Every structure is written in structure tokens, then in C-alpha cells.
Amino acid sequence: MRPSTALAALTSAAAAGLGYAWVEARTFTLRSSTLPVLPAGTAPIRVLHLSDIHLVPRQHRKRAWLASLAALEPDLVVSTGDNLAAQDAVPALLEAHGRLLDRPGVFVLGSNDYWEPRLKNPARYLLPQGGVKRVHGRRLPTEELVRGFCDAGWLDLTNRRGTLKIGTTLLDFAGVDDPHLHYDRYAELAGTPEPAADLTVGVTHAPYRRVLDAMTADGIGLVLAGHTHGGQLRLPGVGALVTNCDLPRRQARGVSRWPTRSDDGAWLHVCAGMGTSPYTAVRFACRPEAALLTLVAPEALA
């Protein structure tokens, strides 16, 4: 094959791959999982896990799909951060949540709830843990976002604990601010879970090992996280190329256990999220998603 022919073929393949990745980043999907984390005899709880929306107001397809999730009528909504990608995104974000804000909910924040995304070399994403973190740039309207969620009655778990009663089931929550930016302060709220609670849930944006280890050491039974985008770029037979944190690549999305070699550790769910940076708006073999988790007693799976 002549060099010019090989170059043309390579260019065509790259263009096709990029076009596919652009389309896939706009092909939203709902993933469903069942987790045996509730005490015997407890009624199931349906949890909608949202993460990494990275909303720009012009993203009407994403806004409409997010609004459509209210039809699921979940018992609880958990948001694990990185909601924003523009200074003017909060009103559009809250509007897109729509009737979901009428459901019980809890949330934590991610780096893209604080800092506006910037154009940077996309190859940095492939470095260990995303390369060196430099916190600078334009601040996003974090207070407006928090106020919108709190005014709807959602619990702010940013380095906080809280409880919610879902039906007859009492859920205890322990959440942290974004570990990716080292804003997490789990030591300030660590301790024995609420004795009366049927389940304690850990909530974090980025699933760094130090946070997962601390939460599971406290006996937390379920941890929900986002941040990884499921790898954003995945290859058949390989999976996620990176997780943008120190979580093992095989746990970049979906359900697993922590510690990884323990059958009696915490259940971990990492949502691959429904967005991307506006400057790298592609996904490959990793569709944008929300997750519907059904929490049940173990006998329900027998």
C-alpha cells in the first residue's frame, strides 16, 4: 500500500471513529441494577442515581432526556455532582430536573460545580489520575445550585451526614465534598452509622480509595459515586482506559464491591454520567447514562 493510500485510510478511519464517538455522546441510556443491601423483610427502594451532567443550556436533547426520567417516579434521587459546564447553566439544570425535585433527594458537589471547564490538552485525561490538578479559572454559581436543590428539600451531603425516611425504611447518609480537588473531610463526620438506620449510604463525587476505605471501615453498606464517566473511552475486551482517579479501571462504572476482594464489604455503584466536558464532547463504547438502582433485601434475589 502506498504511503498516501495508507494515510488516507488512516484519516478516514479516524474521522469515522470520531463521528461515532460524537454521536454516542448524545445517545442516552438508563442502566438498571438490583442491590441486596436492605434488611430482611424491607420493602424495595428505587433509587435514581444521576451524575456528571455537565450541562450547557444549549444541550436541549440532554435536558429533555433528564426531564423524562421523572416518569420513573423513583423513591429517592441521588446526585453525585458535576452538574454544570457553563456560568448560566443553573436555571436550565433545575428546569430539566423538573418533577424529580419533588422526590426525596440528596446531593454532593464535584469540581465542575465549582470551576468552569477550560480548554486543555485532551491527552492529559489519559495521564494517571488525570494529571496534576490546578484549581484556577472562573468560579461557577455554586451557591445558586446548592440553593436550588435545597429549596426543593434535597439534603446537602457536602461533608455532612443526614437521614431520610423512605416509606418505613430509615436511610442514614454520609457524604463528602469532591475528593478529586481534595475538598473531602470525611474524618469530620466519621463514626458509627445511625443505630436506628436500616442502611447507611456513602455519597461522593470521585471514588478515591481513601474515601472508600474510610467509609467501609465505618460499616457503610452502599457507596454511590460518579466522576469517572465510565472511562469515557472504552475498548472492547479492555474496558475503561482510565478512571481519572485511583479506582481500578474494572470498577469504572456499574456495580462492584469494596474492598474488591471482599464478599462482605460495601456495595459500590459508579454512575458513568450523562455528560462530557464541552471541549471533549465525545464518548466511545461508553454511552451517557443515568442508573436506576433497586435496593432490596437479600431474600428477594433468592
C-alpha atoms as a PDB file:
ATOM      1  CA  MET A   1       0.000   0.000   0.000  1.00  0.00           C
ATOM      2  CA  ARG A   2       1.346   3.390  -0.958  1.00  0.00           C
ATOM      3  CA  PRO A   3       2.044   5.834   1.913  1.00  0.00           C
ATOM      4  CA  SER A   4      -0.549   8.241   0.534  1.00  0.00           C
ATOM      5  CA  THR A   5      -3.162   5.466   0.403  1.00  0.00           C
ATOM      6  CA  ALA A   6      -2.350   4.318   3.941  1.00  0.00           C
ATOM      7  CA  LEU A   7      -2.575   7.879   5.223  1.00  0.00           C
ATOM      8  CA  ALA A   8      -5.934   8.365   3.523  1.00  0.00           C
ATOM      9  CA  ALA A   9      -7.246   5.106   5.031  1.00  0.00           C
ATOM     10  CA  LEU A  10      -5.997   6.068   8.478  1.00  0.00           C
ATOM     11  CA  THR A  11      -7.553   9.533   8.186  1.00  0.00           C
ATOM     12  CA  SER A  12     -10.875   8.036   7.099  1.00  0.00           C
ATOM     13  CA  ALA A  13     -10.871   5.551   9.989  1.00  0.00           C
ATOM     14  CA  ALA A  14     -10.063   8.310  12.482  1.00  0.00           C
ATOM     15  CA  ALA A  15     -12.826  10.515  11.110  1.00  0.00           C
ATOM     16  CA  ALA A  16     -15.334   7.645  11.291  1.00  0.00           C
ATOM     17  CA  GLY A  17     -14.315   6.863  14.869  1.00  0.00           C
ATOM     18  CA  LEU A  18     -14.607  10.493  15.891  1.00  0.00           C
ATOM     19  CA  GLY A  19     -18.015  10.771  14.241  1.00  0.00           C
ATOM     20  CA  TYR A  20     -19.227   7.656  16.060  1.00  0.00           C
ATOM     21  CA  ALA A  21     -17.901   8.971  19.387  1.00  0.00           C
ATOM     22  CA  TRP A  22     -19.687  12.290  18.815  1.00  0.00           C
ATOM     23  CA  VAL A  23     -22.988  10.512  18.147  1.00  0.00           C
ATOM     24  CA  GLU A  24     -22.577   8.128  21.088  1.00  0.00           C
ATOM     25  CA  ALA A  25     -22.093  11.044  23.496  1.00  0.00           C
ATOM     26  CA  ARG A  26     -25.667  12.025  22.649  1.00  0.00           C
ATOM     27  CA  THR A  27     -27.194   8.533  22.880  1.00  0.00           C
ATOM     28  CA  PHE A  28     -28.553   8.439  26.416  1.00  0.00           C
ATOM     29  CA  THR A  29     -29.345   5.182  28.187  1.00  0.00           C
ATOM     30  CA  LEU A  30     -30.834   4.082  31.500  1.00  0.00           C
ATOM     31  CA  ARG A  31     -28.979   1.287  33.281  1.00  0.00           C
ATOM     32  CA  SER A  32     -30.730  -0.819  35.914  1.00  0.00           C
ATOM     33  CA  SER A  33     -29.261  -2.859  38.771  1.00  0.00           C
ATOM     34  CA  THR A  34     -30.627  -4.637  41.840  1.00  0.00           C
ATOM     35  CA  LEU A  35     -28.613  -4.484  45.064  1.00  0.00           C
ATOM     36  CA  PRO A  36     -29.299  -6.743  48.103  1.00  0.00           C
ATOM     37  CA  VAL A  37     -28.481  -4.150  50.771  1.00  0.00           C
ATOM     38  CA  LEU A  38     -31.659  -3.841  52.864  1.00  0.00           C
ATOM     39  CA  PRO A  39     -32.593  -5.800  55.999  1.00  0.00           C
ATOM     40  CA  ALA A  40     -34.810  -8.860  55.699  1.00  0.00           C
ATOM     41  CA  GLY A  41     -38.463  -8.034  55.265  1.00  0.00           C
ATOM     42  CA  THR A  42     -37.820  -4.490  53.995  1.00  0.00           C
ATOM     43  CA  ALA A  43     -39.758  -3.197  51.005  1.00  0.00           C
ATOM     44  CA  PRO A  44     -37.695  -2.385  47.889  1.00  0.00           C
ATOM     45  CA  ILE A  45     -36.495   1.192  47.320  1.00  0.00           C
ATOM     46  CA  ARG A  46     -35.952   2.535  43.805  1.00  0.00           C
ATOM     47  CA  VAL A  47     -33.038   4.988  43.613  1.00  0.00           C
ATOM     48  CA  LEU A  48     -32.297   7.152  40.580  1.00  0.00           C
ATOM     49  CA  HIS A  49     -28.553   7.845  40.511  1.00  0.00           C
ATOM     50  CA  LEU A  50     -27.603  10.944  38.488  1.00  0.00           C
ATOM     51  CA  SER A  51     -24.058  12.138  37.908  1.00  0.00           C
ATOM     52  CA  ASP A  52     -21.796  14.240  35.693  1.00  0.00           C
ATOM     53  CA  ILE A  53     -24.483  16.060  33.739  1.00  0.00           C
ATOM     54  CA  HIS A  54     -22.014  18.814  32.734  1.00  0.00           C
ATOM     55  CA  LEU A  55     -24.878  20.909  31.398  1.00  0.00           C
ATOM     56  CA  VAL A  56     -24.610  23.725  28.905  1.00  0.00           C
ATOM     57  CA  PRO A  57     -28.050  25.352  28.395  1.00  0.00           C
ATOM     58  CA  ARG A  58     -27.996  24.782  24.613  1.00  0.00           C
ATOM     59  CA  GLN A  59     -27.988  20.982  25.165  1.00  0.00           C
ATOM     60  CA  HIS A  60     -31.716  20.574  24.602  1.00  0.00           C
ATOM     61  CA  ARG A  61     -31.569  16.814  23.899  1.00  0.00           C
ATOM     62  CA  LYS A  62     -29.839  16.191  27.229  1.00  0.00           C
ATOM     63  CA  ARG A  63     -32.260  18.474  29.077  1.00  0.00           C
ATOM     64  CA  ALA A  64     -35.288  16.684  27.593  1.00  0.00           C
ATOM     65  CA  TRP A  65     -33.918  13.245  28.448  1.00  0.00           C
ATOM     66  CA  LEU A  66     -33.173  14.272  32.026  1.00  0.00           C
ATOM     67  CA  ALA A  67     -36.703  15.669  32.380  1.00  0.00           C
ATOM     68  CA  SER A  68     -38.138  12.391  31.042  1.00  0.00           C
ATOM     69  CA  LEU A  69     -36.627  10.442  33.957  1.00  0.00           C
ATOM     70  CA  ALA A  70     -39.291  11.870  36.274  1.00  0.00           C
ATOM     71  CA  ALA A  71     -41.688   9.346  34.711  1.00  0.00           C
ATOM     72  CA  LEU A  72     -39.766   6.625  36.573  1.00  0.00           C
ATOM     73  CA  GLU A  73     -41.157   8.012  39.855  1.00  0.00           C
ATOM     74  CA  PRO A  74     -38.126   6.928  41.914  1.00  0.00           C
ATOM     75  CA  ASP A  75     -38.401   6.743  45.684  1.00  0.00           C
ATOM     76  CA  LEU A  76     -35.122   8.642  46.010  1.00  0.00           C
ATOM     77  CA  VAL A  77     -32.804  10.676  43.778  1.00  0.00           C
ATOM     78  CA  VAL A  78     -29.051  10.745  44.467  1.00  0.00           C
ATOM     79  CA  SER A  79     -26.917  13.290  42.599  1.00  0.00           C
ATOM     80  CA  THR A  80     -23.157  12.760  42.746  1.00  0.00           C
ATOM     81  CA  GLY A  81     -22.023  16.063  41.297  1.00  0.00           C
ATOM     82  CA  ASP A  82     -20.504  17.789  38.257  1.00  0.00           C
ATOM     83  CA  ASN A  83     -23.823  19.266  37.209  1.00  0.00           C
ATOM     84  CA  LEU A  84     -22.575  22.388  35.436  1.00  0.00           C
ATOM     85  CA  ALA A  85     -20.461  23.308  32.421  1.00  0.00           C
ATOM     86  CA  ALA A  86     -21.408  26.979  31.978  1.00  0.00           C
ATOM     87  CA  GLN A  87     -21.959  30.107  34.029  1.00  0.00           C
ATOM     88  CA  ASP A  88     -25.658  30.307  33.093  1.00  0.00           C
ATOM     89  CA  ALA A  89     -26.483  26.599  33.462  1.00  0.00           C
ATOM     90  CA  VAL A  90     -28.253  26.523  36.859  1.00  0.00           C
ATOM     91  CA  PRO A  91     -31.744  27.654  35.740  1.00  0.00           C
ATOM     92  CA  ALA A  92     -31.703  25.200  32.819  1.00  0.00           C
ATOM     93  CA  LEU A  93     -30.436  22.416  35.089  1.00  0.00           C
ATOM     94  CA  LEU A  94     -33.164  22.910  37.677  1.00  0.00           C
ATOM     95  CA  GLU A  95     -35.811  23.136  34.962  1.00  0.00           C
ATOM     96  CA  ALA A  96     -34.551  19.877  33.427  1.00  0.00           C
ATOM     97  CA  HIS A  97     -34.775  18.126  36.803  1.00  0.00           C
ATOM     98  CA  GLY A  98     -38.435  19.145  36.791  1.00  0.00           C
ATOM     99  CA  ARG A  99     -40.638  16.801  38.828  1.00  0.00           C
ATOM    100  CA  LEU A 100     -37.576  14.925  40.087  1.00  0.00           C
ATOM    101  CA  LEU A 101     -37.159  17.806  42.523  1.00  0.00           C
ATOM    102  CA  ASP A 102     -40.496  16.792  44.034  1.00  0.00           C
ATOM    103  CA  ARG A 103     -38.997  13.429  45.027  1.00  0.00           C
ATOM    104  CA  PRO A 104     -36.798  12.917  48.121  1.00  0.00           C
ATOM    105  CA  GLY A 105     -33.197  13.627  47.146  1.00  0.00           C
ATOM    106  CA  VAL A 106     -29.619  14.019  48.350  1.00  0.00           C
ATOM    107  CA  PHE A 107     -26.572  15.524  46.636  1.00  0.00           C
ATOM    108  CA  VAL A 108     -22.858  16.231  46.806  1.00  0.00           C
ATOM    109  CA  LEU A 109     -20.731  18.513  44.641  1.00  0.00           C
ATOM    110  CA  GLY A 110     -17.994  17.862  42.094  1.00  0.00           C
ATOM    111  CA  SER A 111     -15.247  20.054  40.696  1.00  0.00           C
ATOM    112  CA  ASN A 112     -17.490  21.198  37.844  1.00  0.00           C
ATOM    113  CA  ASP A 113     -19.958  22.576  40.357  1.00  0.00           C
ATOM    114  CA  TYR A 114     -17.202  24.968  41.470  1.00  0.00           C
ATOM    115  CA  TRP A 115     -14.994  25.690  38.476  1.00  0.00           C
ATOM    116  CA  GLU A 116     -15.889  26.329  34.854  1.00  0.00           C
ATOM    117  CA  PRO A 117     -14.293  23.833  32.450  1.00  0.00           C
ATOM    118  CA  ARG A 118     -11.375  25.118  30.384  1.00  0.00           C
ATOM    119  CA  LEU A 119      -9.899  24.181  27.032  1.00  0.00           C
ATOM    120  CA  LYS A 120      -6.873  21.967  27.661  1.00  0.00           C
ATOM    121  CA  ASN A 121      -4.909  19.185  26.044  1.00  0.00           C
ATOM    122  CA  PRO A 122      -7.283  16.171  25.957  1.00  0.00           C
ATOM    123  CA  ALA A 123      -4.292  13.815  26.206  1.00  0.00           C
ATOM    124  CA  ARG A 124      -3.956  14.890  29.862  1.00  0.00           C
ATOM    125  CA  TYR A 125      -7.046  12.814  30.585  1.00  0.00           C
ATOM    126  CA  LEU A 126      -5.026   9.686  29.826  1.00  0.00           C
ATOM    127  CA  LEU A 127      -2.381  10.525  32.439  1.00  0.00           C
ATOM    128  CA  PRO A 128      -2.553   8.789  35.851  1.00  0.00           C
ATOM    129  CA  GLN A 129      -5.491  10.327  37.768  1.00  0.00           C
ATOM    130  CA  GLY A 130      -5.893  12.975  35.069  1.00  0.00           C
ATOM    131  CA  GLY A 131      -2.527  14.645  35.634  1.00  0.00           C
ATOM    132  CA  VAL A 132      -1.661  17.417  38.068  1.00  0.00           C
ATOM    133  CA  LYS A 133      -4.682  19.292  39.462  1.00  0.00           C
ATOM    134  CA  ARG A 134      -4.579  23.075  39.084  1.00  0.00           C
ATOM    135  CA  VAL A 135      -7.559  24.759  40.693  1.00  0.00           C
ATOM    136  CA  HIS A 136      -7.988  28.052  38.918  1.00  0.00           C
ATOM    137  CA  GLY A 137     -10.270  29.695  36.396  1.00  0.00           C
ATOM    138  CA  ARG A 138     -13.753  31.142  36.622  1.00  0.00           C
ATOM    139  CA  ARG A 139     -15.930  30.200  39.546  1.00  0.00           C
ATOM    140  CA  LEU A 140     -19.334  28.734  38.760  1.00  0.00           C
ATOM    141  CA  PRO A 141     -22.522  29.818  40.624  1.00  0.00           C
ATOM    142  CA  THR A 142     -22.188  27.084  43.249  1.00  0.00           C
ATOM    143  CA  GLU A 143     -24.367  28.844  45.808  1.00  0.00           C
ATOM    144  CA  GLU A 144     -27.203  29.176  43.284  1.00  0.00           C
ATOM    145  CA  LEU A 145     -27.005  25.462  42.507  1.00  0.00           C
ATOM    146  CA  VAL A 146     -26.999  24.438  46.172  1.00  0.00           C
ATOM    147  CA  ARG A 147     -29.863  26.795  46.957  1.00  0.00           C
ATOM    148  CA  GLY A 148     -31.933  25.338  44.112  1.00  0.00           C
ATOM    149  CA  PHE A 149     -31.527  21.774  45.343  1.00  0.00           C
ATOM    150  CA  CYS A 150     -32.019  22.694  48.999  1.00  0.00           C
ATOM    151  CA  ASP A 151     -35.138  24.769  48.247  1.00  0.00           C
ATOM    152  CA  ALA A 152     -36.590  21.600  46.709  1.00  0.00           C
ATOM    153  CA  GLY A 153     -35.971  19.803  50.004  1.00  0.00           C
ATOM    154  CA  TRP A 154     -32.924  17.782  48.948  1.00  0.00           C
ATOM    155  CA  LEU A 155     -30.271  17.046  51.578  1.00  0.00           C
ATOM    156  CA  ASP A 156     -26.872  18.683  51.041  1.00  0.00           C
ATOM    157  CA  LEU A 157     -24.333  15.985  51.982  1.00  0.00           C
ATOM    158  CA  THR A 158     -21.241  18.052  51.213  1.00  0.00           C
ATOM    159  CA  ASN A 159     -19.059  16.921  54.151  1.00  0.00           C
ATOM    160  CA  ARG A 160     -22.277  16.269  56.077  1.00  0.00           C
ATOM    161  CA  ARG A 161     -24.468  13.482  57.416  1.00  0.00           C
ATOM    162  CA  GLY A 162     -28.238  13.234  57.282  1.00  0.00           C
ATOM    163  CA  THR A 163     -31.177  10.829  57.379  1.00  0.00           C
ATOM    164  CA  LEU A 164     -34.259  10.288  55.248  1.00  0.00           C
ATOM    165  CA  LYS A 165     -37.214   8.010  55.788  1.00  0.00           C
ATOM    166  CA  ILE A 166     -38.369   6.320  52.597  1.00  0.00           C
ATOM    167  CA  GLY A 167     -41.647   4.624  53.383  1.00  0.00           C
ATOM    168  CA  THR A 168     -40.923   2.727  56.583  1.00  0.00           C
ATOM    169  CA  THR A 169     -37.171   2.474  55.882  1.00  0.00           C
ATOM    170  CA  LEU A 170     -34.714   4.841  57.562  1.00  0.00           C
ATOM    171  CA  LEU A 171     -31.659   5.657  55.453  1.00  0.00           C
ATOM    172  CA  ASP A 172     -28.554   7.192  57.009  1.00  0.00           C
ATOM    173  CA  PHE A 173     -26.253   9.183  54.692  1.00  0.00           C
ATOM    174  CA  ALA A 174     -22.619  10.268  54.927  1.00  0.00           C
ATOM    175  CA  GLY A 175     -21.326  12.473  52.121  1.00  0.00           C
ATOM    176  CA  VAL A 176     -18.133  14.295  51.227  1.00  0.00           C
ATOM    177  CA  ASP A 177     -17.096  17.229  49.079  1.00  0.00           C
ATOM    178  CA  ASP A 178     -15.100  16.465  45.948  1.00  0.00           C
ATOM    179  CA  PRO A 179     -12.083  14.219  46.675  1.00  0.00           C
ATOM    180  CA  HIS A 180     -10.653  14.994  43.217  1.00  0.00           C
ATOM    181  CA  LEU A 181      -9.909  18.510  44.474  1.00  0.00           C
ATOM    182  CA  HIS A 182      -9.051  17.287  47.988  1.00  0.00           C
ATOM    183  CA  TYR A 183     -12.137  19.062  49.380  1.00  0.00           C
ATOM    184  CA  ASP A 184     -13.276  15.895  51.210  1.00  0.00           C
ATOM    185  CA  ARG A 185     -13.340  15.971  55.020  1.00  0.00           C
ATOM    186  CA  TYR A 186     -14.681  12.550  55.920  1.00  0.00           C
ATOM    187  CA  ALA A 187     -12.764  12.480  59.220  1.00  0.00           C
ATOM    188  CA  GLU A 188     -15.018  15.286  60.486  1.00  0.00           C
ATOM    189  CA  LEU A 189     -18.149  13.140  60.140  1.00  0.00           C
ATOM    190  CA  ALA A 190     -16.750   9.636  60.507  1.00  0.00           C
ATOM    191  CA  GLY A 191     -18.162   7.316  63.115  1.00  0.00           C
ATOM    192  CA  THR A 192     -20.643   4.589  63.761  1.00  0.00           C
ATOM    193  CA  PRO A 193     -23.699   4.726  61.456  1.00  0.00           C
ATOM    194  CA  GLU A 194     -27.026   5.870  62.899  1.00  0.00           C
ATOM    195  CA  PRO A 195     -28.098   2.907  65.115  1.00  0.00           C
ATOM    196  CA  ALA A 196     -31.749   3.117  64.103  1.00  0.00           C
ATOM    197  CA  ALA A 197     -30.970   3.206  60.362  1.00  0.00           C
ATOM    198  CA  ASP A 198     -31.796   0.276  58.109  1.00  0.00           C
ATOM    199  CA  LEU A 199     -28.924   1.181  55.756  1.00  0.00           C
ATOM    200  CA  THR A 200     -26.095   3.715  55.700  1.00  0.00           C
ATOM    201  CA  VAL A 201     -25.211   5.118  52.288  1.00  0.00           C
ATOM    202  CA  GLY A 202     -21.945   6.862  51.448  1.00  0.00           C
ATOM    203  CA  VAL A 203     -22.111   9.537  48.750  1.00  0.00           C
ATOM    204  CA  THR A 204     -19.089  11.001  46.966  1.00  0.00           C
ATOM    205  CA  HIS A 205     -18.364  12.555  43.616  1.00  0.00           C
ATOM    206  CA  ALA A 206     -14.978  10.956  42.949  1.00  0.00           C
ATOM    207  CA  PRO A 207     -14.454   7.369  44.189  1.00  0.00           C
ATOM    208  CA  TYR A 208     -10.926   7.709  45.539  1.00  0.00           C
ATOM    209  CA  ARG A 209      -9.663   4.761  47.559  1.00  0.00           C
ATOM    210  CA  ARG A 210      -9.035   6.836  50.694  1.00  0.00           C
ATOM    211  CA  VAL A 211     -12.727   7.775  50.811  1.00  0.00           C
ATOM    212  CA  LEU A 212     -13.987   4.284  50.004  1.00  0.00           C
ATOM    213  CA  ASP A 213     -11.672   2.783  52.629  1.00  0.00           C
ATOM    214  CA  ALA A 214     -12.816   5.235  55.311  1.00  0.00           C
ATOM    215  CA  MET A 215     -16.497   4.743  54.543  1.00  0.00           C
ATOM    216  CA  THR A 216     -16.339   0.968  54.514  1.00  0.00           C
ATOM    217  CA  ALA A 217     -14.265   0.962  57.714  1.00  0.00           C
ATOM    218  CA  ASP A 218     -17.247   2.703  59.339  1.00  0.00           C
ATOM    219  CA  GLY A 219     -19.579  -0.074  58.227  1.00  0.00           C
ATOM    220  CA  ILE A 220     -21.258   1.825  55.388  1.00  0.00           C
ATOM    221  CA  GLY A 221     -23.099  -0.731  53.281  1.00  0.00           C
ATOM    222  CA  LEU A 222     -23.538   1.111  49.980  1.00  0.00           C
ATOM    223  CA  VAL A 223     -21.425   3.813  48.324  1.00  0.00           C
ATOM    224  CA  LEU A 224     -22.578   5.858  45.324  1.00  0.00           C
ATOM    225  CA  ALA A 225     -20.133   7.829  43.165  1.00  0.00           C
ATOM    226  CA  GLY A 226     -19.610   9.361  39.738  1.00  0.00           C
ATOM    227  CA  HIS A 227     -16.673  11.274  38.230  1.00  0.00           C
ATOM    228  CA  THR A 228     -15.152   8.510  36.086  1.00  0.00           C
ATOM    229  CA  HIS A 229     -17.534   8.911  33.119  1.00  0.00           C
ATOM    230  CA  GLY A 230     -17.202   5.130  32.977  1.00  0.00           C
ATOM    231  CA  GLY A 231     -13.799   5.756  31.454  1.00  0.00           C
ATOM    232  CA  GLN A 232     -15.454   7.834  28.690  1.00  0.00           C
ATOM    233  CA  LEU A 233     -13.253   5.957  26.218  1.00  0.00           C
ATOM    234  CA  ARG A 234     -13.599   2.184  26.417  1.00  0.00           C
ATOM    235  CA  LEU A 235     -12.269  -0.562  24.161  1.00  0.00           C
ATOM    236  CA  PRO A 236     -13.879  -3.982  23.597  1.00  0.00           C
ATOM    237  CA  GLY A 237     -12.049  -6.585  25.666  1.00  0.00           C
ATOM    238  CA  VAL A 238     -10.151  -3.866  27.531  1.00  0.00           C
ATOM    239  CA  GLY A 239     -12.829  -1.696  29.136  1.00  0.00           C
ATOM    240  CA  ALA A 240     -12.072   1.737  30.518  1.00  0.00           C
ATOM    241  CA  LEU A 241      -8.685   3.161  29.613  1.00  0.00           C
ATOM    242  CA  VAL A 242      -8.626   5.415  32.676  1.00  0.00           C
ATOM    243  CA  THR A 243     -10.788   6.322  35.687  1.00  0.00           C
ATOM    244  CA  ASN A 244      -9.378   9.823  36.345  1.00  0.00           C
ATOM    245  CA  CYS A 245      -8.742   8.746  39.953  1.00  0.00           C
ATOM    246  CA  ASP A 246      -7.094   5.817  41.728  1.00  0.00           C
ATOM    247  CA  LEU A 247     -10.082   3.477  41.373  1.00  0.00           C
ATOM    248  CA  PRO A 248      -9.215   0.291  39.438  1.00  0.00           C
ATOM    249  CA  ARG A 249     -10.264   0.508  35.787  1.00  0.00           C
ATOM    250  CA  ARG A 250     -12.509  -2.564  36.046  1.00  0.00           C
ATOM    251  CA  GLN A 251     -14.693  -0.616  38.505  1.00  0.00           C
ATOM    252  CA  ALA A 252     -15.038   2.488  36.333  1.00  0.00           C
ATOM    253  CA  ARG A 253     -18.800   2.019  36.048  1.00  0.00           C
ATOM    254  CA  GLY A 254     -21.582  -0.136  37.398  1.00  0.00           C
ATOM    255  CA  VAL A 255     -21.824  -2.349  40.475  1.00  0.00           C
ATOM    256  CA  SER A 256     -18.882  -3.889  42.325  1.00  0.00           C
ATOM    257  CA  ARG A 257     -17.713  -4.481  45.888  1.00  0.00           C
ATOM    258  CA  TRP A 258     -15.294  -2.526  48.068  1.00  0.00           C
ATOM    259  CA  PRO A 259     -12.860  -3.791  49.224  1.00  0.00           C
ATOM    260  CA  THR A 260     -12.609  -5.541  45.876  1.00  0.00           C
ATOM    261  CA  ARG A 261     -11.582  -8.907  47.333  1.00  0.00           C
ATOM    262  CA  SER A 262     -14.290  -8.997  49.983  1.00  0.00           C
ATOM    263  CA  ASP A 263     -17.684 -10.650  49.722  1.00  0.00           C
ATOM    264  CA  ASP A 264     -18.895  -8.806  52.814  1.00  0.00           C
ATOM    265  CA  GLY A 265     -17.613  -5.313  52.037  1.00  0.00           C
ATOM    266  CA  ALA A 266     -19.716  -2.405  50.834  1.00  0.00           C
ATOM    267  CA  TRP A 267     -21.563  -2.415  47.548  1.00  0.00           C
ATOM    268  CA  LEU A 268     -20.212   0.282  45.229  1.00  0.00           C
ATOM    269  CA  HIS A 269     -22.078   1.836  42.333  1.00  0.00           C
ATOM    270  CA  VAL A 270     -20.269   4.193  39.972  1.00  0.00           C
ATOM    271  CA  CYS A 271     -22.512   6.033  37.536  1.00  0.00           C
ATOM    272  CA  ALA A 272     -20.853   6.777  34.183  1.00  0.00           C
ATOM    273  CA  GLY A 273     -22.849  10.009  33.991  1.00  0.00           C
ATOM    274  CA  MET A 274     -24.613  11.689  31.135  1.00  0.00           C
ATOM    275  CA  GLY A 275     -22.181  14.394  30.042  1.00  0.00           C
ATOM    276  CA  THR A 276     -18.677  15.357  28.997  1.00  0.00           C
ATOM    277  CA  SER A 277     -16.561  18.454  29.056  1.00  0.00           C
ATOM    278  CA  PRO A 278     -17.896  20.799  26.335  1.00  0.00           C
ATOM    279  CA  TYR A 279     -14.363  20.760  24.886  1.00  0.00           C
ATOM    280  CA  THR A 280     -14.173  16.951  24.547  1.00  0.00           C
ATOM    281  CA  ALA A 281     -17.782  16.094  23.784  1.00  0.00           C
ATOM    282  CA  VAL A 282     -17.182  12.506  22.710  1.00  0.00           C
ATOM    283  CA  ARG A 283     -17.607   9.033  24.209  1.00  0.00           C
ATOM    284  CA  PHE A 284     -16.530   5.710  22.790  1.00  0.00           C
ATOM    285  CA  ALA A 285     -18.173   2.408  23.780  1.00  0.00           C
ATOM    286  CA  CYS A 286     -19.489   4.210  26.857  1.00  0.00           C
ATOM    287  CA  ARG A 287     -22.901   5.763  26.359  1.00  0.00           C
ATOM    288  CA  PRO A 288     -24.040   8.585  28.653  1.00  0.00           C
ATOM    289  CA  GLU A 289     -26.315   7.242  31.342  1.00  0.00           C
ATOM    290  CA  ALA A 290     -28.392   7.522  34.457  1.00  0.00           C
ATOM    291  CA  ALA A 291     -28.883   4.495  36.703  1.00  0.00           C
ATOM    292  CA  LEU A 292     -31.991   3.093  38.352  1.00  0.00           C
ATOM    293  CA  LEU A 293     -30.953   1.053  41.378  1.00  0.00           C
ATOM    294  CA  THR A 294     -33.459  -1.171  43.139  1.00  0.00           C
ATOM    295  CA  LEU A 295     -32.424  -1.751  46.734  1.00  0.00           C
ATOM    296  CA  VAL A 296     -33.850  -4.987  48.113  1.00  0.00           C
ATOM    297  CA  ALA A 297     -33.458  -7.456  50.975  1.00  0.00           C
ATOM    298  CA  PRO A 298     -31.231 -10.441  50.096  1.00  0.00           C
ATOM    299  CA  GLU A 299     -34.146 -12.885  50.087  1.00  0.00           C
ATOM    300  CA  ALA A 300     -35.574 -11.026  47.096  1.00  0.00           C
ATOM    301  CA  LEU A 301     -32.736 -12.443  44.977  1.00  0.00           C
ATOM    302  CA  ALA A 302     -33.066 -15.989  46.291  1.00  0.00           C
END
